[in-house]
N, C-alpha and C. Protein backbone atom coordinates (compact mmCIF):
# COMPACT_ATOMS: atom_id res chain seq x y z
N MET A 1 5.62 -9.14 9.26
CA MET A 1 4.28 -9.12 8.73
C MET A 1 4.31 -9.30 7.23
N THR A 2 3.22 -9.76 6.68
CA THR A 2 3.03 -9.93 5.25
C THR A 2 2.12 -8.83 4.74
N THR A 3 2.45 -8.28 3.57
CA THR A 3 1.61 -7.26 2.95
C THR A 3 0.84 -7.89 1.81
N LEU A 4 -0.48 -7.70 1.80
CA LEU A 4 -1.35 -8.22 0.76
C LEU A 4 -1.96 -7.07 -0.02
N THR A 5 -2.10 -7.25 -1.31
CA THR A 5 -2.85 -6.31 -2.13
C THR A 5 -4.08 -7.07 -2.60
N ILE A 6 -5.25 -6.60 -2.21
CA ILE A 6 -6.49 -7.31 -2.54
C ILE A 6 -7.52 -6.35 -3.10
N GLU A 7 -8.48 -6.89 -3.83
CA GLU A 7 -9.61 -6.10 -4.31
C GLU A 7 -10.86 -6.67 -3.66
N ILE A 8 -11.66 -5.78 -3.07
CA ILE A 8 -12.91 -6.19 -2.43
C ILE A 8 -14.00 -5.21 -2.83
N PRO A 9 -15.25 -5.62 -2.72
CA PRO A 9 -16.34 -4.70 -3.04
C PRO A 9 -16.32 -3.48 -2.11
N ASP A 10 -16.66 -2.32 -2.64
CA ASP A 10 -16.67 -1.09 -1.85
C ASP A 10 -17.53 -1.22 -0.60
N ASN A 11 -18.66 -1.90 -0.71
CA ASN A 11 -19.55 -1.98 0.44
C ASN A 11 -19.05 -2.92 1.54
N LYS A 12 -17.94 -3.60 1.30
CA LYS A 12 -17.36 -4.50 2.31
C LYS A 12 -16.06 -3.95 2.90
N ALA A 13 -15.59 -2.82 2.41
CA ALA A 13 -14.29 -2.29 2.82
C ALA A 13 -14.20 -2.04 4.32
N GLU A 14 -15.19 -1.41 4.88
CA GLU A 14 -15.15 -1.10 6.31
C GLU A 14 -15.17 -2.38 7.14
N GLN A 15 -16.01 -3.31 6.77
CA GLN A 15 -16.13 -4.58 7.49
C GLN A 15 -14.80 -5.36 7.44
N ILE A 16 -14.20 -5.44 6.27
CA ILE A 16 -12.93 -6.17 6.11
C ILE A 16 -11.81 -5.44 6.87
N SER A 17 -11.80 -4.11 6.81
CA SER A 17 -10.78 -3.33 7.53
C SER A 17 -10.84 -3.62 9.03
N LYS A 18 -12.03 -3.64 9.59
CA LYS A 18 -12.19 -3.92 11.02
C LYS A 18 -11.71 -5.34 11.35
N LEU A 19 -12.02 -6.29 10.48
CA LEU A 19 -11.60 -7.67 10.69
C LEU A 19 -10.08 -7.77 10.70
N ILE A 20 -9.44 -7.09 9.77
CA ILE A 20 -7.98 -7.11 9.69
C ILE A 20 -7.37 -6.51 10.96
N GLU A 21 -7.90 -5.39 11.41
CA GLU A 21 -7.38 -4.73 12.61
C GLU A 21 -7.62 -5.58 13.86
N GLN A 22 -8.77 -6.26 13.94
CA GLN A 22 -9.05 -7.14 15.08
C GLN A 22 -8.08 -8.32 15.11
N ALA A 23 -7.61 -8.73 13.95
CA ALA A 23 -6.67 -9.85 13.86
C ALA A 23 -5.23 -9.40 14.10
N GLY A 24 -5.04 -8.12 14.40
CA GLY A 24 -3.69 -7.60 14.67
C GLY A 24 -3.01 -7.01 13.47
N GLY A 25 -3.72 -6.89 12.37
CA GLY A 25 -3.15 -6.32 11.16
C GLY A 25 -3.33 -4.82 11.09
N ASN A 26 -2.89 -4.25 10.00
CA ASN A 26 -2.95 -2.81 9.80
C ASN A 26 -3.30 -2.53 8.35
N VAL A 27 -4.32 -1.72 8.13
CA VAL A 27 -4.68 -1.31 6.77
C VAL A 27 -3.80 -0.13 6.41
N ILE A 28 -2.93 -0.31 5.43
CA ILE A 28 -1.96 0.71 5.06
C ILE A 28 -2.58 1.78 4.17
N SER A 29 -3.38 1.36 3.22
CA SER A 29 -4.03 2.34 2.35
C SER A 29 -5.32 1.75 1.81
N LYS A 30 -6.22 2.64 1.45
CA LYS A 30 -7.47 2.26 0.82
C LYS A 30 -7.53 2.99 -0.50
N ILE A 31 -7.85 2.24 -1.56
CA ILE A 31 -7.92 2.82 -2.90
C ILE A 31 -9.32 2.55 -3.44
N ASP A 32 -9.96 3.56 -3.95
CA ASP A 32 -11.27 3.34 -4.57
C ASP A 32 -11.11 3.34 -6.09
N ASP A 33 -12.18 3.11 -6.79
CA ASP A 33 -12.14 2.99 -8.24
C ASP A 33 -11.89 4.31 -8.96
N LYS A 34 -11.74 5.38 -8.23
CA LYS A 34 -11.50 6.67 -8.88
C LYS A 34 -10.09 6.76 -9.44
N LEU A 35 -9.20 5.88 -8.99
CA LEU A 35 -7.84 5.87 -9.50
C LEU A 35 -7.77 4.98 -10.73
N SER A 36 -6.93 5.38 -11.67
CA SER A 36 -6.74 4.56 -12.86
C SER A 36 -5.91 3.32 -12.50
N LYS A 37 -5.95 2.34 -13.37
CA LYS A 37 -5.15 1.12 -13.14
C LYS A 37 -3.67 1.47 -13.03
N LYS A 38 -3.21 2.40 -13.87
CA LYS A 38 -1.81 2.83 -13.83
C LYS A 38 -1.47 3.47 -12.48
N ASP A 39 -2.37 4.30 -11.96
CA ASP A 39 -2.14 4.94 -10.67
C ASP A 39 -2.11 3.90 -9.54
N LYS A 40 -3.00 2.91 -9.61
CA LYS A 40 -3.01 1.86 -8.61
C LYS A 40 -1.72 1.05 -8.64
N GLN A 41 -1.23 0.75 -9.86
CA GLN A 41 0.02 0.01 -9.99
C GLN A 41 1.19 0.83 -9.46
N SER A 42 1.18 2.12 -9.72
CA SER A 42 2.24 3.01 -9.24
C SER A 42 2.24 3.06 -7.71
N LEU A 43 1.07 3.16 -7.13
CA LEU A 43 0.97 3.19 -5.68
C LEU A 43 1.43 1.86 -5.07
N ALA A 44 1.04 0.76 -5.67
CA ALA A 44 1.45 -0.56 -5.18
C ALA A 44 2.97 -0.70 -5.24
N LYS A 45 3.58 -0.23 -6.33
CA LYS A 45 5.04 -0.28 -6.46
C LYS A 45 5.71 0.59 -5.39
N ALA A 46 5.16 1.76 -5.15
CA ALA A 46 5.73 2.66 -4.14
C ALA A 46 5.66 2.02 -2.75
N LEU A 47 4.54 1.35 -2.44
CA LEU A 47 4.42 0.68 -1.15
C LEU A 47 5.43 -0.46 -1.02
N GLU A 48 5.63 -1.21 -2.10
CA GLU A 48 6.61 -2.28 -2.09
C GLU A 48 8.01 -1.72 -1.86
N GLU A 49 8.34 -0.63 -2.56
CA GLU A 49 9.66 -0.01 -2.39
C GLU A 49 9.84 0.53 -0.98
N ALA A 50 8.79 1.11 -0.41
CA ALA A 50 8.87 1.62 0.96
C ALA A 50 9.16 0.48 1.94
N GLU A 51 8.52 -0.66 1.72
CA GLU A 51 8.76 -1.81 2.59
C GLU A 51 10.19 -2.31 2.44
N LEU A 52 10.72 -2.34 1.22
CA LEU A 52 12.11 -2.76 1.00
C LEU A 52 13.09 -1.79 1.67
N ILE A 53 12.80 -0.51 1.61
CA ILE A 53 13.64 0.50 2.29
C ILE A 53 13.60 0.26 3.79
N LYS A 54 12.41 0.01 4.31
CA LYS A 54 12.23 -0.24 5.74
C LYS A 54 13.05 -1.46 6.18
N GLN A 55 13.11 -2.48 5.32
CA GLN A 55 13.84 -3.70 5.63
C GLN A 55 15.33 -3.56 5.38
N GLY A 56 15.76 -2.44 4.82
CA GLY A 56 17.18 -2.22 4.53
C GLY A 56 17.64 -2.90 3.25
N LYS A 57 16.71 -3.35 2.41
CA LYS A 57 17.05 -4.05 1.18
C LYS A 57 17.15 -3.11 -0.02
N LEU A 58 16.77 -1.86 0.15
CA LEU A 58 16.80 -0.88 -0.92
C LEU A 58 17.25 0.45 -0.34
N LYS A 59 18.14 1.13 -1.06
CA LYS A 59 18.65 2.42 -0.61
C LYS A 59 17.58 3.49 -0.83
N PRO A 60 17.26 4.27 0.20
CA PRO A 60 16.27 5.35 0.01
C PRO A 60 16.84 6.46 -0.87
N LEU A 61 15.96 7.11 -1.61
CA LEU A 61 16.37 8.24 -2.43
C LEU A 61 16.47 9.49 -1.56
N THR A 62 17.40 10.36 -1.93
CA THR A 62 17.48 11.65 -1.24
C THR A 62 16.38 12.55 -1.79
N PHE A 63 16.12 13.64 -1.11
CA PHE A 63 15.11 14.59 -1.56
C PHE A 63 15.42 15.09 -2.97
N ASN A 64 16.68 15.41 -3.25
CA ASN A 64 17.08 15.90 -4.58
C ASN A 64 16.87 14.84 -5.66
N GLU A 65 17.12 13.58 -5.33
CA GLU A 65 16.92 12.50 -6.31
C GLU A 65 15.45 12.33 -6.66
N LEU A 66 14.56 12.59 -5.70
CA LEU A 66 13.14 12.48 -5.97
C LEU A 66 12.67 13.47 -7.03
N TRP A 67 13.29 14.63 -7.10
CA TRP A 67 12.86 15.68 -8.02
C TRP A 67 13.58 15.65 -9.35
N ASP A 68 14.58 14.79 -9.50
CA ASP A 68 15.31 14.69 -10.77
C ASP A 68 14.63 13.77 -11.75
């Protein structure tokens, strides 16, 4: 599957989410404007890293490494 990061109007989020699911896709996360740009970028990076870990292309961090 391909992961897309897109921006859509708030009033279209539910409609687009349903369309994606009907097409066999999966909405991984929904972000509203309450998050800062920095927080959105951080979340996007975390999702990318999670996908790389899932694919075996990146070594996962241990619990202790997360807190260091």
